[in-house]
Amino acid sequence: MISLKQNLSILLYEKEKILNSILNYQISKYNNYDLLIVENYEELHETAKYRSFDACILNLNNLSDNIKNLINKLQSKNEHVNIIAYHKPFYKKMIDNIGKVFLLE
């Protein structure tokens, strides 16, 4: 695989340490990825204010009710960011029509 960009940055938000380890292991197999793992809500919001990412993997179950605001922050730093989110089914209505978000149900 040839990448035009040297390093792709990925933000991972998951509170479960086991799942963090699994995802970290899977992503670290590839050389061109910089992974930032965030395990608490406050750190996630601070990171979203100041950093741009190429992709975000988010567990929406652990977030507060202001998911739309967080996703808008992530997209404001990089309008082409890919956001992969997994959640409980009731979150689907909360994030309709906010851009390029892929939901895993």
PDB file of N, CA and C in Angstrom:
ATOM      1  N   MET A   1       0.840  -1.169   0.000  1.00  0.00           N
ATOM      2  CA  MET A   1       0.000   0.000   0.000  1.00  0.00           C
ATOM      3  C   MET A   1       0.892   1.242   0.000  1.00  0.00           C
ATOM      4  N   ILE A   2       0.618   2.172  -0.895  1.00  0.00           N
ATOM      5  CA  ILE A   2       1.380   3.408  -0.967  1.00  0.00           C
ATOM      6  C   ILE A   2       0.525   4.522  -0.398  1.00  0.00           C
ATOM      7  N   SER A   3       1.078   5.261   0.524  1.00  0.00           N
ATOM      8  CA  SER A   3       0.362   6.366   1.139  1.00  0.00           C
ATOM      9  C   SER A   3       1.005   7.671   0.692  1.00  0.00           C
ATOM     10  N   LEU A   4       0.195   8.636   0.295  1.00  0.00           N
ATOM     11  CA  LEU A   4       0.718   9.942  -0.081  1.00  0.00           C
ATOM     12  C   LEU A   4       1.164  10.732   1.142  1.00  0.00           C
ATOM     13  N   LYS A   5       0.578  10.432   2.260  1.00  0.00           N
ATOM     14  CA  LYS A   5       0.925  11.120   3.491  1.00  0.00           C
ATOM     15  C   LYS A   5       1.790  10.190   4.325  1.00  0.00           C
ATOM     16  N   GLN A   6       2.853  10.699   4.907  1.00  0.00           N
ATOM     17  CA  GLN A   6       3.772   9.857   5.658  1.00  0.00           C
ATOM     18  C   GLN A   6       3.110   9.194   6.865  1.00  0.00           C
ATOM     19  N   ASN A   7       2.475   9.992   7.695  1.00  0.00           N
ATOM     20  CA  ASN A   7       1.848   9.433   8.889  1.00  0.00           C
ATOM     21  C   ASN A   7       0.400   9.883   8.979  1.00  0.00           C
ATOM     22  N   LEU A   8      -0.481   8.935   9.156  1.00  0.00           N
ATOM     23  CA  LEU A   8      -1.886   9.241   9.377  1.00  0.00           C
ATOM     24  C   LEU A   8      -2.127   9.254  10.879  1.00  0.00           C
ATOM     25  N   SER A   9      -2.774  10.281  11.355  1.00  0.00           N
ATOM     26  CA  SER A   9      -3.020  10.380  12.793  1.00  0.00           C
ATOM     27  C   SER A   9      -4.424   9.870  13.117  1.00  0.00           C
ATOM     28  N   ILE A  10      -4.489   9.061  14.165  1.00  0.00           N
ATOM     29  CA  ILE A  10      -5.748   8.452  14.587  1.00  0.00           C
ATOM     30  C   ILE A  10      -5.958   8.742  16.063  1.00  0.00           C
ATOM     31  N   LEU A  11      -7.170   9.181  16.395  1.00  0.00           N
ATOM     32  CA  LEU A  11      -7.573   9.388  17.776  1.00  0.00           C
ATOM     33  C   LEU A  11      -8.486   8.239  18.171  1.00  0.00           C
ATOM     34  N   LEU A  12      -8.192   7.594  19.276  1.00  0.00           N
ATOM     35  CA  LEU A  12      -9.017   6.501  19.795  1.00  0.00           C
ATOM     36  C   LEU A  12      -9.539   6.894  21.161  1.00  0.00           C
ATOM     37  N   TYR A  13     -10.869   6.899  21.305  1.00  0.00           N
ATOM     38  CA  TYR A  13     -11.476   7.150  22.609  1.00  0.00           C
ATOM     39  C   TYR A  13     -12.253   5.905  23.027  1.00  0.00           C
ATOM     40  N   GLU A  14     -11.743   5.234  24.012  1.00  0.00           N
ATOM     41  CA  GLU A  14     -12.371   4.024  24.556  1.00  0.00           C
ATOM     42  C   GLU A  14     -11.910   3.877  25.991  1.00  0.00           C
ATOM     43  N   LYS A  15     -12.864   3.712  26.904  1.00  0.00           N
ATOM     44  CA  LYS A  15     -12.516   3.587  28.319  1.00  0.00           C
ATOM     45  C   LYS A  15     -12.060   2.177  28.702  1.00  0.00           C
ATOM     46  N   GLU A  16     -12.468   1.197  27.928  1.00  0.00           N
ATOM     47  CA  GLU A  16     -12.112  -0.185  28.243  1.00  0.00           C
ATOM     48  C   GLU A  16     -10.658  -0.462  27.856  1.00  0.00           C
ATOM     49  N   LYS A  17      -9.821  -0.747  28.834  1.00  0.00           N
ATOM     50  CA  LYS A  17      -8.396  -0.944  28.584  1.00  0.00           C
ATOM     51  C   LYS A  17      -8.115  -2.143  27.677  1.00  0.00           C
ATOM     52  N   ILE A  18      -8.914  -3.177  27.784  1.00  0.00           N
ATOM     53  CA  ILE A  18      -8.704  -4.368  26.953  1.00  0.00           C
ATOM     54  C   ILE A  18      -8.948  -4.034  25.485  1.00  0.00           C
ATOM     55  N   LEU A  19     -10.049  -3.340  25.208  1.00  0.00           N
ATOM     56  CA  LEU A  19     -10.339  -2.961  23.835  1.00  0.00           C
ATOM     57  C   LEU A  19      -9.289  -1.979  23.312  1.00  0.00           C
ATOM     58  N   ASN A  20      -8.835  -1.058  24.151  1.00  0.00           N
ATOM     59  CA  ASN A  20      -7.743  -0.156  23.767  1.00  0.00           C
ATOM     60  C   ASN A  20      -6.512  -0.946  23.340  1.00  0.00           C
ATOM     61  N   SER A  21      -6.166  -1.947  24.115  1.00  0.00           N
ATOM     62  CA  SER A  21      -4.983  -2.765  23.805  1.00  0.00           C
ATOM     63  C   SER A  21      -5.137  -3.494  22.478  1.00  0.00           C
ATOM     64  N   ILE A  22      -6.315  -4.033  22.244  1.00  0.00           N
ATOM     65  CA  ILE A  22      -6.567  -4.772  21.002  1.00  0.00           C
ATOM     66  C   ILE A  22      -6.472  -3.840  19.801  1.00  0.00           C
ATOM     67  N   LEU A  23      -7.139  -2.692  19.881  1.00  0.00           N
ATOM     68  CA  LEU A  23      -7.110  -1.740  18.765  1.00  0.00           C
ATOM     69  C   LEU A  23      -5.699  -1.196  18.546  1.00  0.00           C
ATOM     70  N   ASN A  24      -5.005  -0.892  19.624  1.00  0.00           N
ATOM     71  CA  ASN A  24      -3.631  -0.410  19.533  1.00  0.00           C
ATOM     72  C   ASN A  24      -2.753  -1.447  18.830  1.00  0.00           C
ATOM     73  N   TYR A  25      -2.891  -2.696  19.204  1.00  0.00           N
ATOM     74  CA  TYR A  25      -2.114  -3.771  18.585  1.00  0.00           C
ATOM     75  C   TYR A  25      -2.422  -3.868  17.088  1.00  0.00           C
ATOM     76  N   GLN A  26      -3.713  -3.825  16.735  1.00  0.00           N
ATOM     77  CA  GLN A  26      -4.103  -3.943  15.334  1.00  0.00           C
ATOM     78  C   GLN A  26      -3.575  -2.781  14.499  1.00  0.00           C
ATOM     79  N   ILE A  27      -3.691  -1.570  15.023  1.00  0.00           N
ATOM     80  CA  ILE A  27      -3.262  -0.389  14.274  1.00  0.00           C
ATOM     81  C   ILE A  27      -1.742  -0.304  14.210  1.00  0.00           C
ATOM     82  N   SER A  28      -1.059  -0.723  15.266  1.00  0.00           N
ATOM     83  CA  SER A  28       0.405  -0.600  15.314  1.00  0.00           C
ATOM     84  C   SER A  28       1.116  -1.548  14.342  1.00  0.00           C
ATOM     85  N   LYS A  29       0.399  -2.471  13.751  1.00  0.00           N
ATOM     86  CA  LYS A  29       0.996  -3.356  12.752  1.00  0.00           C
ATOM     87  C   LYS A  29       1.389  -2.586  11.490  1.00  0.00           C
ATOM     88  N   TYR A  30       0.784  -1.435  11.302  1.00  0.00           N
ATOM     89  CA  TYR A  30       1.039  -0.628  10.116  1.00  0.00           C
ATOM     90  C   TYR A  30       1.949   0.537  10.485  1.00  0.00           C
ATOM     91  N   ASN A  31       2.950   0.787   9.680  1.00  0.00           N
ATOM     92  CA  ASN A  31       3.976   1.776  10.010  1.00  0.00           C
ATOM     93  C   ASN A  31       3.529   3.220   9.900  1.00  0.00           C
ATOM     94  N   ASN A  32       2.580   3.528   9.056  1.00  0.00           N
ATOM     95  CA  ASN A  32       2.253   4.919   8.761  1.00  0.00           C
ATOM     96  C   ASN A  32       1.150   5.494   9.643  1.00  0.00           C
ATOM     97  N   TYR A  33       0.959   4.974  10.819  1.00  0.00           N
ATOM     98  CA  TYR A  33      -0.115   5.446  11.679  1.00  0.00           C
ATOM     99  C   TYR A  33       0.418   5.905  13.021  1.00  0.00           C
ATOM    100  N   ASP A  34       0.002   7.107  13.416  1.00  0.00           N
ATOM    101  CA  ASP A  34       0.275   7.609  14.765  1.00  0.00           C
ATOM    102  C   ASP A  34      -1.033   7.535  15.529  1.00  0.00           C
ATOM    103  N   LEU A  35      -1.058   6.778  16.591  1.00  0.00           N
ATOM    104  CA  LEU A  35      -2.274   6.558  17.366  1.00  0.00           C
ATOM    105  C   LEU A  35      -2.187   7.285  18.701  1.00  0.00           C
ATOM    106  N   LEU A  36      -3.208   8.081  18.999  1.00  0.00           N
ATOM    107  CA  LEU A  36      -3.330   8.721  20.303  1.00  0.00           C
ATOM    108  C   LEU A  36      -4.532   8.111  20.992  1.00  0.00           C
ATOM    109  N   ILE A  37      -4.298   7.490  22.142  1.00  0.00           N
ATOM    110  CA  ILE A  37      -5.370   6.864  22.908  1.00  0.00           C
ATOM    111  C   ILE A  37      -5.756   7.785  24.059  1.00  0.00           C
ATOM    112  N   VAL A  38      -7.037   8.092  24.139  1.00  0.00           N
ATOM    113  CA  VAL A  38      -7.565   8.950  25.188  1.00  0.00           C
ATOM    114  C   VAL A  38      -8.612   8.144  25.947  1.00  0.00           C
ATOM    115  N   GLU A  39      -8.486   8.125  27.273  1.00  0.00           N
ATOM    116  CA  GLU A  39      -9.400   7.306  28.070  1.00  0.00           C
ATOM    117  C   GLU A  39     -10.369   8.111  28.927  1.00  0.00           C
ATOM    118  N   ASN A  40     -10.201   9.435  28.995  1.00  0.00           N
ATOM    119  CA  ASN A  40     -11.170  10.177  29.793  1.00  0.00           C
ATOM    120  C   ASN A  40     -11.767  11.328  28.990  1.00  0.00           C
ATOM    121  N   TYR A  41     -12.967  11.676  29.361  1.00  0.00           N
ATOM    122  CA  TYR A  41     -13.809  12.624  28.650  1.00  0.00           C
ATOM    123  C   TYR A  41     -13.174  14.011  28.552  1.00  0.00           C
ATOM    124  N   GLU A  42     -12.631  14.505  29.644  1.00  0.00           N
ATOM    125  CA  GLU A  42     -12.036  15.845  29.662  1.00  0.00           C
ATOM    126  C   GLU A  42     -10.837  15.923  28.712  1.00  0.00           C
ATOM    127  N   GLU A  43     -10.000  14.895  28.743  1.00  0.00           N
ATOM    128  CA  GLU A  43      -8.835  14.861  27.855  1.00  0.00           C
ATOM    129  C   GLU A  43      -9.265  14.807  26.386  1.00  0.00           C
ATOM    130  N   LEU A  44     -10.332  14.088  26.108  1.00  0.00           N
ATOM    131  CA  LEU A  44     -10.856  14.001  24.751  1.00  0.00           C
ATOM    132  C   LEU A  44     -11.259  15.380  24.234  1.00  0.00           C
ATOM    133  N   HIS A  45     -12.001  16.130  25.040  1.00  0.00           N
ATOM    134  CA  HIS A  45     -12.437  17.462  24.620  1.00  0.00           C
ATOM    135  C   HIS A  45     -11.268  18.429  24.462  1.00  0.00           C
ATOM    136  N   GLU A  46     -10.287  18.366  25.342  1.00  0.00           N
ATOM    137  CA  GLU A  46      -9.102  19.222  25.216  1.00  0.00           C
ATOM    138  C   GLU A  46      -8.320  18.873  23.954  1.00  0.00           C
ATOM    139  N   THR A  47      -8.170  17.594  23.694  1.00  0.00           N
ATOM    140  CA  THR A  47      -7.450  17.141  22.504  1.00  0.00           C
ATOM    141  C   THR A  47      -8.168  17.601  21.240  1.00  0.00           C
ATOM    142  N   ALA A  48      -9.501  17.506  21.233  1.00  0.00           N
ATOM    143  CA  ALA A  48     -10.293  17.908  20.067  1.00  0.00           C
ATOM    144  C   ALA A  48     -10.158  19.400  19.769  1.00  0.00           C
ATOM    145  N   LYS A  49      -9.894  20.200  20.788  1.00  0.00           N
ATOM    146  CA  LYS A  49      -9.737  21.651  20.593  1.00  0.00           C
ATOM    147  C   LYS A  49      -8.457  21.995  19.842  1.00  0.00           C
ATOM    148  N   TYR A  50      -7.383  21.244  20.109  1.00  0.00           N
ATOM    149  CA  TYR A  50      -6.064  21.667  19.663  1.00  0.00           C
ATOM    150  C   TYR A  50      -5.398  20.797  18.607  1.00  0.00           C
ATOM    151  N   ARG A  51      -5.911  19.609  18.368  1.00  0.00           N
ATOM    152  CA  ARG A  51      -5.236  18.706  17.417  1.00  0.00           C
ATOM    153  C   ARG A  51      -6.150  18.318  16.277  1.00  0.00           C
ATOM    154  N   SER A  52      -5.539  18.060  15.160  1.00  0.00           N
ATOM    155  CA  SER A  52      -6.247  17.585  13.979  1.00  0.00           C
ATOM    156  C   SER A  52      -5.915  16.109  13.782  1.00  0.00           C
ATOM    157  N   PHE A  53      -6.902  15.333  13.344  1.00  0.00           N
ATOM    158  CA  PHE A  53      -6.704  13.903  13.112  1.00  0.00           C
ATOM    159  C   PHE A  53      -7.247  13.533  11.741  1.00  0.00           C
ATOM    160  N   ASP A  54      -6.679  12.483  11.176  1.00  0.00           N
ATOM    161  CA  ASP A  54      -7.180  11.957   9.910  1.00  0.00           C
ATOM    162  C   ASP A  54      -8.364  11.027  10.140  1.00  0.00           C
ATOM    163  N   ALA A  55      -8.370  10.383  11.302  1.00  0.00           N
ATOM    164  CA  ALA A  55      -9.461   9.471  11.642  1.00  0.00           C
ATOM    165  C   ALA A  55      -9.651   9.453  13.156  1.00  0.00           C
ATOM    166  N   CYS A  56     -10.897   9.229  13.562  1.00  0.00           N
ATOM    167  CA  CYS A  56     -11.225   9.122  14.989  1.00  0.00           C
ATOM    168  C   CYS A  56     -12.077   7.874  15.181  1.00  0.00           C
ATOM    169  N   ILE A  57     -11.754   7.124  16.214  1.00  0.00           N
ATOM    170  CA  ILE A  57     -12.540   5.956  16.597  1.00  0.00           C
ATOM    171  C   ILE A  57     -13.078   6.263  17.982  1.00  0.00           C
ATOM    172  N   LEU A  58     -14.405   6.383  18.103  1.00  0.00           N
ATOM    173  CA  LEU A  58     -15.017   6.867  19.334  1.00  0.00           C
ATOM    174  C   LEU A  58     -16.080   5.909  19.848  1.00  0.00           C
ATOM    175  N   ASN A  59     -16.023   5.634  21.137  1.00  0.00           N
ATOM    176  CA  ASN A  59     -17.099   4.912  21.798  1.00  0.00           C
ATOM    177  C   ASN A  59     -18.048   5.967  22.351  1.00  0.00           C
ATOM    178  N   LEU A  60     -19.175   6.157  21.684  1.00  0.00           N
ATOM    179  CA  LEU A  60     -20.122   7.191  22.085  1.00  0.00           C
ATOM    180  C   LEU A  60     -20.865   6.849  23.368  1.00  0.00           C
ATOM    181  N   ASN A  61     -20.845   5.595  23.782  1.00  0.00           N
ATOM    182  CA  ASN A  61     -21.529   5.203  25.015  1.00  0.00           C
ATOM    183  C   ASN A  61     -20.919   5.877  26.233  1.00  0.00           C
ATOM    184  N   ASN A  62     -19.657   6.216  26.158  1.00  0.00           N
ATOM    185  CA  ASN A  62     -18.968   6.802  27.302  1.00  0.00           C
ATOM    186  C   ASN A  62     -18.954   8.321  27.275  1.00  0.00           C
ATOM    187  N   LEU A  63     -19.612   8.926  26.295  1.00  0.00           N
ATOM    188  CA  LEU A  63     -19.598  10.371  26.167  1.00  0.00           C
ATOM    189  C   LEU A  63     -20.852  10.981  26.780  1.00  0.00           C
ATOM    190  N   SER A  64     -20.793  12.272  27.015  1.00  0.00           N
ATOM    191  CA  SER A  64     -21.954  12.973  27.563  1.00  0.00           C
ATOM    192  C   SER A  64     -22.974  13.199  26.452  1.00  0.00           C
ATOM    193  N   ASP A  65     -23.990  13.960  26.770  1.00  0.00           N
ATOM    194  CA  ASP A  65     -25.055  14.228  25.805  1.00  0.00           C
ATOM    195  C   ASP A  65     -24.633  15.154  24.670  1.00  0.00           C
ATOM    196  N   ASN A  66     -23.476  15.798  24.774  1.00  0.00           N
ATOM    197  CA  ASN A  66     -23.072  16.772  23.781  1.00  0.00           C
ATOM    198  C   ASN A  66     -22.148  16.172  22.713  1.00  0.00           C
ATOM    199  N   ILE A  67     -22.588  15.085  22.125  1.00  0.00           N
ATOM    200  CA  ILE A  67     -21.799  14.377  21.114  1.00  0.00           C
ATOM    201  C   ILE A  67     -21.651  15.224  19.856  1.00  0.00           C
ATOM    202  N   LYS A  68     -22.712  15.881  19.459  1.00  0.00           N
ATOM    203  CA  LYS A  68     -22.686  16.684  18.242  1.00  0.00           C
ATOM    204  C   LYS A  68     -21.622  17.780  18.342  1.00  0.00           C
ATOM    205  N   ASN A  69     -21.501  18.428  19.490  1.00  0.00           N
ATOM    206  CA  ASN A  69     -20.502  19.469  19.706  1.00  0.00           C
ATOM    207  C   ASN A  69     -19.081  18.901  19.558  1.00  0.00           C
ATOM    208  N   LEU A  70     -18.843  17.739  20.144  1.00  0.00           N
ATOM    209  CA  LEU A  70     -17.530  17.099  20.046  1.00  0.00           C
ATOM    210  C   LEU A  70     -17.180  16.787  18.589  1.00  0.00           C
ATOM    211  N   ILE A  71     -18.110  16.211  17.863  1.00  0.00           N
ATOM    212  CA  ILE A  71     -17.854  15.853  16.469  1.00  0.00           C
ATOM    213  C   ILE A  71     -17.625  17.108  15.631  1.00  0.00           C
ATOM    214  N   ASN A  72     -18.370  18.165  15.903  1.00  0.00           N
ATOM    215  CA  ASN A  72     -18.144  19.423  15.196  1.00  0.00           C
ATOM    216  C   ASN A  72     -16.752  19.974  15.480  1.00  0.00           C
ATOM    217  N   LYS A  73     -16.265  19.844  16.722  1.00  0.00           N
ATOM    218  CA  LYS A  73     -14.904  20.279  17.066  1.00  0.00           C
ATOM    219  C   LYS A  73     -13.869  19.496  16.266  1.00  0.00           C
ATOM    220  N   LEU A  74     -14.049  18.182  16.207  1.00  0.00           N
ATOM    221  CA  LEU A  74     -13.109  17.334  15.467  1.00  0.00           C
ATOM    222  C   LEU A  74     -13.108  17.704  13.981  1.00  0.00           C
ATOM    223  N   GLN A  75     -14.286  17.969  13.440  1.00  0.00           N
ATOM    224  CA  GLN A  75     -14.386  18.316  12.026  1.00  0.00           C
ATOM    225  C   GLN A  75     -13.880  19.731  11.742  1.00  0.00           C
ATOM    226  N   SER A  76     -13.917  20.611  12.731  1.00  0.00           N
ATOM    227  CA  SER A  76     -13.432  21.974  12.503  1.00  0.00           C
ATOM    228  C   SER A  76     -11.918  22.003  12.309  1.00  0.00           C
ATOM    229  N   LYS A  77     -11.210  21.065  12.893  1.00  0.00           N
ATOM    230  CA  LYS A  77      -9.755  20.989  12.734  1.00  0.00           C
ATOM    231  C   LYS A  77      -9.358  20.315  11.418  1.00  0.00           C
ATOM    232  N   ASN A  78     -10.204  19.419  10.925  1.00  0.00           N
ATOM    233  CA  ASN A  78      -9.954  18.719   9.665  1.00  0.00           C
ATOM    234  C   ASN A  78     -11.300  18.322   9.086  1.00  0.00           C
ATOM    235  N   GLU A  79     -11.749  19.058   8.083  1.00  0.00           N
ATOM    236  CA  GLU A  79     -13.093  18.803   7.532  1.00  0.00           C
ATOM    237  C   GLU A  79     -13.202  17.446   6.849  1.00  0.00           C
ATOM    238  N   HIS A  80     -12.072  16.814   6.547  1.00  0.00           N
ATOM    239  CA  HIS A  80     -12.083  15.515   5.874  1.00  0.00           C
ATOM    240  C   HIS A  80     -11.840  14.351   6.836  1.00  0.00           C
ATOM    241  N   VAL A  81     -11.907  14.605   8.127  1.00  0.00           N
ATOM    242  CA  VAL A  81     -11.664  13.555   9.111  1.00  0.00           C
ATOM    243  C   VAL A  81     -12.721  12.453   8.959  1.00  0.00           C
ATOM    244  N   ASN A  82     -12.287  11.215   9.064  1.00  0.00           N
ATOM    245  CA  ASN A  82     -13.206  10.080   9.090  1.00  0.00           C
ATOM    246  C   ASN A  82     -13.464   9.739  10.544  1.00  0.00           C
ATOM    247  N   ILE A  83     -14.719   9.694  10.905  1.00  0.00           N
ATOM    248  CA  ILE A  83     -15.082   9.382  12.285  1.00  0.00           C
ATOM    249  C   ILE A  83     -15.816   8.050  12.285  1.00  0.00           C
ATOM    250  N   ILE A  84     -15.254   7.108  13.012  1.00  0.00           N
ATOM    251  CA  ILE A  84     -15.859   5.787  13.162  1.00  0.00           C
ATOM    252  C   ILE A  84     -16.352   5.716  14.597  1.00  0.00           C
ATOM    253  N   ALA A  85     -17.656   5.543  14.753  1.00  0.00           N
ATOM    254  CA  ALA A  85     -18.241   5.583  16.090  1.00  0.00           C
ATOM    255  C   ALA A  85     -19.081   4.338  16.331  1.00  0.00           C
ATOM    256  N   TYR A  86     -19.055   3.877  17.547  1.00  0.00           N
ATOM    257  CA  TYR A  86     -19.934   2.784  17.936  1.00  0.00           C
ATOM    258  C   TYR A  86     -20.666   3.218  19.192  1.00  0.00           C
ATOM    259  N   HIS A  87     -21.872   2.686  19.358  1.00  0.00           N
ATOM    260  CA  HIS A  87     -22.772   3.279  20.346  1.00  0.00           C
ATOM    261  C   HIS A  87     -23.969   2.388  20.610  1.00  0.00           C
ATOM    262  N   LYS A  88     -24.751   2.838  21.561  1.00  0.00           N
ATOM    263  CA  LYS A  88     -26.069   2.249  21.777  1.00  0.00           C
ATOM    264  C   LYS A  88     -26.992   2.820  20.700  1.00  0.00           C
ATOM    265  N   PRO A  89     -28.027   2.086  20.306  1.00  0.00           N
ATOM    266  CA  PRO A  89     -28.877   2.544  19.183  1.00  0.00           C
ATOM    267  C   PRO A  89     -29.496   3.930  19.361  1.00  0.00           C
ATOM    268  N   PHE A  90     -29.781   4.360  20.576  1.00  0.00           N
ATOM    269  CA  PHE A  90     -30.480   5.635  20.734  1.00  0.00           C
ATOM    270  C   PHE A  90     -29.625   6.848  20.383  1.00  0.00           C
ATOM    271  N   TYR A  91     -28.329   6.697  20.206  1.00  0.00           N
ATOM    272  CA  TYR A  91     -27.493   7.828  19.818  1.00  0.00           C
ATOM    273  C   TYR A  91     -27.652   8.200  18.350  1.00  0.00           C
ATOM    274  N   LYS A  92     -28.185   7.301  17.549  1.00  0.00           N
ATOM    275  CA  LYS A  92     -28.276   7.549  16.107  1.00  0.00           C
ATOM    276  C   LYS A  92     -28.996   8.852  15.799  1.00  0.00           C
ATOM    277  N   LYS A  93     -30.090   9.135  16.459  1.00  0.00           N
ATOM    278  CA  LYS A  93     -30.841  10.356  16.183  1.00  0.00           C
ATOM    279  C   LYS A  93     -30.055  11.599  16.566  1.00  0.00           C
ATOM    280  N   MET A  94     -29.185  11.492  17.555  1.00  0.00           N
ATOM    281  CA  MET A  94     -28.455  12.650  18.037  1.00  0.00           C
ATOM    282  C   MET A  94     -27.410  13.144  17.050  1.00  0.00           C
ATOM    283  N   ILE A  95     -26.889  12.268  16.188  1.00  0.00           N
ATOM    284  CA  ILE A  95     -25.795  12.684  15.314  1.00  0.00           C
ATOM    285  C   ILE A  95     -26.152  12.634  13.831  1.00  0.00           C
ATOM    286  N   ASP A  96     -27.436  12.602  13.507  1.00  0.00           N
ATOM    287  CA  ASP A  96     -27.859  12.670  12.105  1.00  0.00           C
ATOM    288  C   ASP A  96     -27.444  14.015  11.509  1.00  0.00           C
ATOM    289  N   ASN A  97     -27.110  14.007  10.247  1.00  0.00           N
ATOM    290  CA  ASN A  97     -26.829  15.225   9.477  1.00  0.00           C
ATOM    291  C   ASN A  97     -25.680  16.065   9.997  1.00  0.00           C
ATOM    292  N   ILE A  98     -24.623  15.459  10.514  1.00  0.00           N
ATOM    293  CA  ILE A  98     -23.492  16.262  10.952  1.00  0.00           C
ATOM    294  C   ILE A  98     -22.227  15.936  10.160  1.00  0.00           C
ATOM    295  N   GLY A  99     -22.361  15.265   9.069  1.00  0.00           N
ATOM    296  CA  GLY A  99     -21.178  15.064   8.216  1.00  0.00           C
ATOM    297  C   GLY A  99     -20.771  13.623   8.087  1.00  0.00           C
ATOM    298  N   LYS A 100     -19.485  13.442   7.891  1.00  0.00           N
ATOM    299  CA  LYS A 100     -18.904  12.150   7.562  1.00  0.00           C
ATOM    300  C   LYS A 100     -18.638  11.343   8.830  1.00  0.00           C
ATOM    301  N   VAL A 101     -19.674  10.651   9.292  1.00  0.00           N
ATOM    302  CA  VAL A 101     -19.562   9.829  10.499  1.00  0.00           C
ATOM    303  C   VAL A 101     -20.060   8.439  10.133  1.00  0.00           C
ATOM    304  N   PHE A 102     -19.248   7.438  10.416  1.00  0.00           N
ATOM    305  CA  PHE A 102     -19.625   6.060  10.136  1.00  0.00           C
ATOM    306  C   PHE A 102     -20.022   5.395  11.448  1.00  0.00           C
ATOM    307  N   LEU A 103     -21.242   4.904  11.514  1.00  0.00           N
ATOM    308  CA  LEU A 103     -21.732   4.298  12.757  1.00  0.00           C
ATOM    309  C   LEU A 103     -21.686   2.792  12.659  1.00  0.00           C
ATOM    310  N   LEU A 104     -21.141   2.159  13.661  1.00  0.00           N
ATOM    311  CA  LEU A 104     -21.126   0.708  13.754  1.00  0.00           C
ATOM    312  C   LEU A 104     -22.226   0.309  14.712  1.00  0.00           C
ATOM    313  N   GLU A 105     -23.183  -0.443  14.221  1.00  0.00           N
ATOM    314  CA  GLU A 105     -24.304  -0.829  15.089  1.00  0.00           C
ATOM    315  C   GLU A 105     -24.276  -2.312  15.350  1.00  0.00           C
TER     316      GLU A 105
END
